[in-house]
């Protein structure tokens, strides 16, 4: 097989799983050298119940493997055990009681082991000193992702029931303080190594709003991590207490971080909470600074409320925009209606869309979720992403 063209050998290796690849590399120096390119994935996954920070440190110190890592994906979802146990019961209440009890005993016995590992490894998964060292050794790093919404039970041996109940939002724990601290350590480490690892994409799918209410000096330092970004996706979890106490400061700091991303091409901003979050204060910071994202082509705004005038003024300022999406599914269970849409406290969607179309050379204007014009009386609930031009074919509630 060593006489085959190198291109064909690489094609063969691309279909080999990791355990088989390790054995393959032991057969000869030829296959050992060629297989090394497929041994390390360009995406490194950090799971809450594994000691992945140690493994990442080891890879980062290897002169060849460290060059292969392009994406860091932190899957740090945790289980709210109180709600998870109830959800397990209600999903299986039609089963025979003895079978149900045996199944639940097995599931929660497995989870107890995973929880013990999580409590051991997760507190150090985003250790600031370790991240500072690691990021200084990854010159090809381009993407950093943090997820609390992705199911952490990735292994085949993990019970299917744990994966099933993860689909119910109440199963997912939201440790606000720990999540804020971990992301602060991560972004601070990125900012400190901006000359080495100039990342292009940053995302977090459930970031506490109070992350942006930290001290100005901390925010100013972390804003450096945003300067090289071309893609930013933030789903921000808003809680009335304590977020109402520092809303103005947090919106100002969020604006500062966003305005630091002067090369931004794609922006996705979502707010999650018990109600739609009024973002007029955020839009005001962009208006008074007369700021324009000169390279922004795609924007998605979800879970917000504003006026048609304020939202329209912000959107038409971004002259490079090609694609807009207003609204999304939100934080919902399988059978619930979408709740991640957009509400307008003043004005109408019809007037907003006409203004945007008139002032921008758009290729796409999409909508999804619950759209409510409180003053105009407009109301739609859209499960799928729809084109704005087709919106008027739907019967308004």
Protein backbone atom coordinates (compact mmCIF):
# COMPACT_ATOMS: atom_id res chain seq x y z
CA UNK A 1 0.00 0.00 0.00
CA UNK A 2 2.96 2.33 0.49
CA UNK A 3 3.38 2.36 -3.30
CA UNK A 4 -0.02 3.99 -3.76
CA UNK A 5 -0.13 7.71 -4.66
CA UNK A 6 0.03 9.92 -1.58
CA UNK A 7 -3.32 11.50 -2.48
CA UNK A 8 -5.00 8.10 -2.42
CA UNK A 9 -3.33 7.22 0.90
CA UNK A 10 -4.64 10.44 2.42
CA UNK A 11 -8.13 9.64 1.15
CA UNK A 12 -7.96 6.24 2.85
CA UNK A 13 -6.82 7.77 6.13
CA UNK A 14 -9.62 10.34 6.07
CA UNK A 15 -12.14 7.48 6.51
CA UNK A 16 -10.31 5.73 9.36
CA UNK A 17 -11.49 6.20 12.96
CA UNK A 18 -9.01 7.32 15.61
CA UNK A 19 -8.40 3.92 17.30
CA UNK A 20 -7.76 2.29 13.92
CA UNK A 21 -5.60 5.23 12.84
CA UNK A 22 -3.35 4.74 15.87
CA UNK A 23 -2.85 1.09 14.89
CA UNK A 24 -2.32 2.07 11.25
CA UNK A 25 0.51 4.43 12.23
CA UNK A 26 2.36 1.60 13.97
CA UNK A 27 2.74 -0.44 10.78
CA UNK A 28 5.53 1.65 9.24
CA UNK A 29 7.30 5.00 9.30
CA UNK A 30 5.50 5.98 6.10
CA UNK A 31 2.04 5.49 7.58
CA UNK A 32 3.20 6.90 10.90
CA UNK A 33 4.22 10.20 9.35
CA UNK A 34 1.28 10.42 6.96
CA UNK A 35 -1.27 9.52 9.63
CA UNK A 36 -0.10 12.23 12.00
CA UNK A 37 -2.00 14.82 9.99
CA UNK A 38 -5.26 13.02 10.81
CA UNK A 39 -4.51 12.23 14.44
CA UNK A 40 -5.39 15.68 15.77
CA UNK A 41 -8.66 17.30 14.80
CA UNK A 42 -8.58 21.04 14.05
CA UNK A 43 -11.40 21.41 16.60
CA UNK A 44 -10.57 20.71 20.24
CA UNK A 45 -13.56 19.92 22.46
CA UNK A 46 -13.50 20.60 26.19
CA UNK A 47 -16.21 18.77 28.15
CA UNK A 48 -17.13 19.54 31.74
CA UNK A 49 -16.56 16.00 33.09
CA UNK A 50 -13.11 15.46 31.51
CA UNK A 51 -9.67 16.78 32.35
CA UNK A 52 -9.41 18.39 28.93
CA UNK A 53 -7.42 21.43 30.09
CA UNK A 54 -4.49 19.10 30.84
CA UNK A 55 -4.82 17.41 27.45
CA UNK A 56 -4.99 20.79 25.70
CA UNK A 57 -1.88 21.97 27.53
CA UNK A 58 -0.01 18.88 26.36
CA UNK A 59 -1.07 19.38 22.75
CA UNK A 60 -0.19 23.09 22.87
CA UNK A 61 3.35 22.25 23.95
CA UNK A 62 3.86 19.83 21.06
CA UNK A 63 5.63 21.73 18.24
CA UNK A 64 3.61 19.98 15.49
CA UNK A 65 0.22 19.30 17.10
CA UNK A 66 -0.20 22.89 18.33
CA UNK A 67 -0.21 24.12 14.73
CA UNK A 68 -3.22 21.97 13.88
CA UNK A 69 -5.65 23.44 16.43
CA UNK A 70 -7.89 26.06 14.82
CA UNK A 71 -11.01 25.93 17.01
CA UNK A 72 -11.57 25.63 20.76
CA UNK A 73 -15.06 24.47 21.68
CA UNK A 74 -15.97 24.53 25.37
CA UNK A 75 -19.09 22.40 25.97
CA UNK A 76 -19.80 23.28 29.59
CA UNK A 77 -23.49 22.51 29.93
CA UNK A 78 -24.58 21.39 33.40
CA UNK A 79 -27.67 19.60 34.69
CA UNK A 80 -30.21 21.08 37.08
CA UNK A 81 -30.69 17.80 38.90
CA UNK A 82 -33.92 18.81 40.67
CA UNK A 83 -35.75 19.59 37.43
CA UNK A 84 -33.98 16.82 35.52
CA UNK A 85 -35.28 14.13 37.88
CA UNK A 86 -38.82 15.46 37.52
CA UNK A 87 -38.47 15.59 33.74
CA UNK A 88 -37.22 12.01 33.70
CA UNK A 89 -40.26 10.88 35.64
CA UNK A 90 -42.79 12.70 33.44
CA UNK A 91 -41.19 11.45 30.23
CA UNK A 92 -41.61 7.86 31.43
CA UNK A 93 -44.71 7.92 33.60
CA UNK A 94 -46.60 5.62 31.18
CA UNK A 95 -44.08 2.81 31.69
CA UNK A 96 -44.49 -0.05 34.13
CA UNK A 97 -43.46 1.27 37.59
CA UNK A 98 -40.83 -1.43 38.14
CA UNK A 99 -39.26 -0.87 34.72
CA UNK A 100 -39.35 2.87 35.25
CA UNK A 101 -37.68 2.59 38.64
CA UNK A 102 -34.90 0.32 37.32
CA UNK A 103 -34.27 2.66 34.40
CA UNK A 104 -34.13 5.76 36.58
CA UNK A 105 -31.83 4.05 39.09
CA UNK A 106 -29.42 3.13 36.30
CA UNK A 107 -29.52 6.61 34.73
CA UNK A 108 -28.91 8.51 37.94
CA UNK A 109 -26.20 6.11 39.04
CA UNK A 110 -24.32 6.88 35.82
CA UNK A 111 -24.98 10.59 36.25
CA UNK A 112 -23.61 10.50 39.81
CA UNK A 113 -20.24 9.37 38.42
CA UNK A 114 -20.32 12.08 35.74
CA UNK A 115 -21.25 14.71 38.32
CA UNK A 116 -18.31 13.73 40.52
CA UNK A 117 -15.97 14.11 37.55
CA UNK A 118 -17.56 17.45 36.62
CA UNK A 119 -17.09 18.80 40.14
CA UNK A 120 -13.44 17.78 39.95
CA UNK A 121 -12.55 19.11 36.49
CA UNK A 122 -14.92 21.94 35.55
CA UNK A 123 -13.66 24.50 38.13
CA UNK A 124 -10.23 24.43 36.45
CA UNK A 125 -11.45 24.09 32.85
CA UNK A 126 -10.96 27.82 32.28
CA UNK A 127 -8.12 28.51 34.68
CA UNK A 128 -6.74 31.90 33.67
CA UNK A 129 -3.05 31.06 34.06
CA UNK A 130 -3.43 27.81 32.13
CA UNK A 131 -5.35 29.55 29.34
CA UNK A 132 -2.75 32.31 29.14
CA UNK A 133 -0.04 29.71 28.53
CA UNK A 134 -2.12 27.63 26.12
CA UNK A 135 -3.25 30.54 23.94
CA UNK A 136 0.30 31.82 23.66
CA UNK A 137 1.18 28.51 21.96
CA UNK A 138 -1.67 28.29 19.41
CA UNK A 139 -0.77 30.58 16.49
CA UNK A 140 -3.41 29.12 14.14
CA UNK A 141 -6.36 29.48 16.52
CA UNK A 142 -9.23 31.24 14.71
CA UNK A 143 -12.44 30.28 16.52
CA UNK A 144 -13.52 30.08 20.15
CA UNK A 145 -16.94 28.69 21.07
CA UNK A 146 -18.57 28.35 24.49
CA UNK A 147 -21.81 26.40 24.84
CA UNK A 148 -24.06 25.78 27.81
CA UNK A 149 -26.91 24.65 25.56
CA UNK A 150 -25.22 21.76 23.72
CA UNK A 151 -25.79 18.39 25.36
CA UNK A 152 -22.60 17.47 27.28
CA UNK A 153 -23.37 13.75 27.17
CA UNK A 154 -21.51 12.97 23.95
CA UNK A 155 -20.26 9.45 24.55
CA UNK A 156 -22.04 6.34 23.21
CA UNK A 157 -22.14 4.80 26.67
CA UNK A 158 -24.02 7.74 28.17
CA UNK A 159 -27.71 6.94 28.86
CA UNK A 160 -30.10 8.01 26.12
CA UNK A 161 -32.43 9.34 28.80
CA UNK A 162 -29.90 11.99 29.80
CA UNK A 163 -29.65 13.09 26.18
CA UNK A 164 -33.43 13.14 25.85
CA UNK A 165 -34.18 15.25 28.93
CA UNK A 166 -31.50 17.73 27.86
CA UNK A 167 -33.97 18.86 25.21
CA UNK A 168 -36.17 20.29 27.98
CA UNK A 169 -34.84 23.78 28.89
CA UNK A 170 -35.47 23.40 32.64
CA UNK A 171 -32.94 20.53 32.69
CA UNK A 172 -30.09 22.92 31.87
CA UNK A 173 -28.45 24.58 34.85
CA UNK A 174 -27.44 28.24 34.65
CA UNK A 175 -24.61 28.87 37.17
CA UNK A 176 -24.40 32.63 36.62
CA UNK A 177 -21.36 33.45 38.76
CA UNK A 178 -19.23 30.52 37.57
CA UNK A 179 -20.19 31.08 33.91
CA UNK A 180 -19.27 34.76 34.15
CA UNK A 181 -15.93 33.96 35.80
CA UNK A 182 -15.01 31.30 33.23
CA UNK A 183 -15.79 33.51 30.23
CA UNK A 184 -13.97 36.44 31.85
CA UNK A 185 -10.85 34.27 32.23
CA UNK A 186 -11.14 33.06 28.64
CA UNK A 187 -11.66 36.49 27.04
CA UNK A 188 -8.97 38.06 29.24
CA UNK A 189 -6.50 35.38 28.13
CA UNK A 190 -7.45 35.99 24.50
CA UNK A 191 -6.93 39.74 24.93
CA UNK A 192 -3.52 39.18 26.49
CA UNK A 193 -2.43 37.03 23.54
CA UNK A 194 -4.03 39.04 20.74
CA UNK A 195 -0.70 39.39 18.90
CA UNK A 196 -0.31 35.59 18.78
CA UNK A 197 -3.86 34.24 18.53
CA UNK A 198 -5.93 36.78 16.60
CA UNK A 199 -9.21 34.93 16.59
CA UNK A 200 -11.79 35.63 13.90
CA UNK A 201 -14.89 34.12 15.48
CA UNK A 202 -16.22 34.23 19.07
CA UNK A 203 -19.50 32.79 20.33
CA UNK A 204 -21.32 32.06 23.58
CA UNK A 205 -24.83 30.59 23.59
CA UNK A 206 -25.86 31.55 27.15
CA UNK A 207 -23.81 34.37 28.62
CA UNK A 208 -25.08 36.09 31.79
CA UNK A 209 -25.86 39.76 31.15
CA UNK A 210 -23.86 40.73 34.24
CA UNK A 211 -20.69 39.72 32.39
CA UNK A 212 -20.83 43.19 30.84
CA UNK A 213 -21.40 44.92 34.21
CA UNK A 214 -17.84 44.37 35.40
CA UNK A 215 -15.34 47.10 36.22
CA UNK A 216 -14.44 49.46 33.36
CA UNK A 217 -10.76 48.45 33.52
CA UNK A 218 -11.71 44.76 33.11
CA UNK A 219 -14.05 45.50 30.20
CA UNK A 220 -11.48 47.73 28.53
CA UNK A 221 -8.87 44.97 28.70
CA UNK A 222 -11.26 42.28 27.44
CA UNK A 223 -12.44 44.47 24.56
CA UNK A 224 -9.03 43.86 22.97
CA UNK A 225 -10.10 40.29 22.22
CA UNK A 226 -12.87 41.64 19.96
CA UNK A 227 -10.63 43.72 17.69
CA UNK A 228 -9.75 41.00 15.19
CA UNK A 229 -13.23 39.43 15.04
CA UNK A 230 -15.11 39.02 11.80
CA UNK A 231 -17.91 36.96 13.42
CA UNK A 232 -19.56 37.49 16.83
CA UNK A 233 -22.48 35.49 18.18
CA UNK A 234 -23.79 36.15 21.70
CA UNK A 235 -26.93 34.76 23.34
CA UNK A 236 -27.26 36.82 26.52
CA UNK A 237 -29.23 35.53 29.50
CA UNK A 238 -31.04 38.40 31.23
CA UNK A 239 -32.39 38.05 34.77
CA UNK A 240 -34.42 40.91 36.27
CA UNK A 241 -32.48 40.53 39.51
CA UNK A 242 -29.74 41.65 39.58
CA UNK A 243 -29.59 42.84 35.94
CA UNK A 244 -32.07 45.71 36.36
CA UNK A 245 -29.62 47.32 38.82
CA UNK A 246 -26.81 47.71 36.29
CA UNK A 247 -28.59 47.66 32.95
CA UNK A 248 -27.25 51.03 31.74
CA UNK A 249 -23.63 50.19 32.58
CA UNK A 250 -23.88 46.72 31.05
CA UNK A 251 -25.37 48.02 27.79
CA UNK A 252 -22.62 50.64 27.59
CA UNK A 253 -19.92 47.97 28.07
CA UNK A 254 -21.59 45.63 25.57
CA UNK A 255 -21.56 48.49 23.07
CA UNK A 256 -17.87 49.12 23.79
CA UNK A 257 -16.98 45.49 23.07
CA UNK A 258 -19.06 45.43 19.90
CA UNK A 259 -17.57 48.69 18.63
CA UNK A 260 -14.10 47.27 19.24
CA UNK A 261 -14.86 44.66 16.57
CA UNK A 262 -14.30 47.07 13.69
CA UNK A 263 -13.78 44.24 11.17
CA UNK A 264 -17.06 42.51 12.01
CA UNK A 265 -18.84 40.89 9.07
CA UNK A 266 -21.38 38.70 10.87
CA UNK A 267 -23.24 39.63 14.07
CA UNK A 268 -25.83 37.56 15.95
CA UNK A 269 -27.26 39.04 19.15
CA UNK A 270 -29.94 37.27 21.16
CA UNK A 271 -31.45 38.00 24.56
CA UNK A 272 -33.03 35.28 26.69
CA UNK A 273 -35.23 36.03 29.69
CA UNK A 274 -38.76 35.97 31.07
CA UNK A 275 -39.62 38.88 28.79
CA UNK A 276 -38.32 40.62 25.69
CA UNK A 277 -35.35 42.86 26.54
CA UNK A 278 -35.61 46.52 25.61
CA UNK A 279 -32.39 47.38 23.76
CA UNK A 280 -33.05 51.09 23.19
CA UNK A 281 -30.22 51.99 25.59
CA UNK A 282 -27.84 49.84 23.55
CA UNK A 283 -28.99 51.39 20.28
CA UNK A 284 -28.62 54.85 21.82
CA UNK A 285 -24.89 54.27 22.45
CA UNK A 286 -24.36 53.57 18.76
CA UNK A 287 -26.38 56.62 17.76
CA UNK A 288 -24.56 59.12 19.98
CA UNK A 289 -21.17 57.78 18.88
CA UNK A 290 -22.30 57.84 15.23
CA UNK A 291 -20.76 54.38 14.88
CA UNK A 292 -21.02 52.29 11.73
CA UNK A 293 -19.90 48.70 11.21
CA UNK A 294 -18.24 49.31 7.85
CA UNK A 295 -17.80 45.63 6.95
CA UNK A 296 -20.98 44.17 8.47
CA UNK A 297 -22.87 42.03 5.94
CA UNK A 298 -25.11 39.80 8.08
CA UNK A 299 -27.00 40.59 11.29
CA UNK A 300 -29.50 38.63 13.38
CA UNK A 301 -31.39 40.13 16.34
CA UNK A 302 -33.54 37.91 18.56
CA UNK A 303 -35.50 38.20 21.81
CA UNK A 304 -35.62 42.01 21.81
CA UNK A 305 -38.04 44.91 21.98
CA UNK A 306 -37.51 48.42 20.68
CA UNK A 307 -39.28 51.09 18.66
CA UNK A 308 -39.44 50.89 14.90
CA UNK A 309 -37.67 54.26 14.71
CA UNK A 310 -34.72 53.31 16.96
CA UNK A 311 -34.25 49.86 15.43
CA UNK A 312 -34.58 51.24 11.91
CA UNK A 313 -32.04 54.02 12.56
CA UNK A 314 -29.48 51.46 13.77
CA UNK A 315 -30.02 49.11 10.82
CA UNK A 316 -29.94 51.70 8.03
CA UNK A 317 -26.69 53.10 9.48
CA UNK A 318 -24.97 49.83 8.52
CA UNK A 319 -24.65 50.54 4.80
CA UNK A 320 -22.77 47.32 4.01
CA UNK A 321 -25.59 45.04 5.23
CA UNK A 322 -26.74 42.34 2.82
CA UNK A 323 -28.76 40.07 5.11
CA UNK A 324 -30.99 40.75 8.12
CA UNK A 325 -32.92 38.34 10.32
CA UNK A 326 -35.26 39.56 13.01
CA UNK A 327 -36.38 36.97 15.56
CA UNK A 328 -35.76 33.28 16.18
CA UNK A 329 -37.14 30.24 17.98
CA UNK A 330 -35.90 31.33 21.41
CA UNK A 331 -35.61 29.09 24.46
CA UNK A 332 -38.45 26.62 23.94
CA UNK A 333 -39.36 22.99 24.34
CA UNK A 334 -40.36 20.79 21.44
CA UNK A 335 -44.09 21.54 21.58
CA UNK A 336 -44.01 25.19 22.67
CA UNK A 337 -44.48 28.10 20.26
CA UNK A 338 -41.42 30.21 19.39
CA UNK A 339 -40.56 32.95 21.90
CA UNK A 340 -37.40 34.49 20.48
CA UNK A 341 -39.02 37.07 18.24
CA UNK A 342 -39.04 40.87 18.14
CA UNK A 343 -41.57 43.27 19.67
CA UNK A 344 -42.06 46.88 18.62
CA UNK A 345 -43.39 49.17 21.36
CA UNK A 346 -43.96 51.97 18.83
CA UNK A 347 -44.32 52.00 15.06
CA UNK A 348 -45.02 49.08 12.77
CA UNK A 349 -43.17 46.23 11.12
CA UNK A 350 -44.50 47.34 7.76
CA UNK A 351 -42.97 50.78 8.19
CA UNK A 352 -39.72 49.32 9.53
CA UNK A 353 -39.34 46.92 6.60
CA UNK A 354 -40.13 49.62 4.05
CA UNK A 355 -37.51 51.94 5.57
CA UNK A 356 -34.85 49.23 5.65
CA UNK A 357 -35.55 48.13 2.07
CA UNK A 358 -35.47 51.74 0.88
CA UNK A 359 -32.11 52.59 2.48
CA UNK A 360 -30.17 49.34 2.13
CA UNK A 361 -29.27 47.14 -0.81
CA UNK A 362 -30.42 43.94 0.86
CA UNK A 363 -30.26 40.44 -0.54
CA UNK A 364 -32.27 38.90 2.31
CA UNK A 365 -34.68 40.10 5.01
CA UNK A 366 -35.92 37.20 7.13
CA UNK A 367 -38.19 36.92 10.16
CA UNK A 368 -38.99 34.17 12.67
CA UNK A 369 -40.66 33.69 16.04
CA UNK A 370 -43.23 35.89 17.76
CA UNK A 371 -43.41 39.28 16.07
CA UNK A 372 -45.63 41.82 17.84
CA UNK A 373 -46.32 45.42 16.97
CA UNK A 374 -47.84 46.66 20.21
CA UNK A 375 -49.01 49.97 18.74
CA UNK A 376 -49.83 48.78 15.23
CA UNK A 377 -51.66 45.60 16.29
CA UNK A 378 -49.48 43.40 14.07
CA UNK A 379 -48.80 39.90 15.36
CA UNK A 380 -47.30 36.75 13.86
CA UNK A 381 -45.96 33.51 15.36
CA UNK A 382 -43.64 31.86 12.86
CA UNK A 383 -42.10 28.44 13.49
CA UNK A 384 -39.89 28.61 10.40
CA UNK A 385 -37.69 31.33 8.97
CA UNK A 386 -39.78 33.31 6.49
CA UNK A 387 -38.97 35.98 3.94
CA UNK A 388 -40.35 39.39 4.87
CA UNK A 389 -42.01 39.67 1.46
CA UNK A 390 -44.06 36.55 2.20
CA UNK A 391 -45.03 37.70 5.68
CA UNK A 392 -48.21 39.38 4.58
CA UNK A 393 -49.62 36.11 3.22
CA UNK A 394 -49.93 34.86 6.82
CA UNK A 395 -53.06 35.61 8.81
CA UNK A 396 -52.15 37.86 11.73
CA UNK A 397 -53.31 36.62 15.15
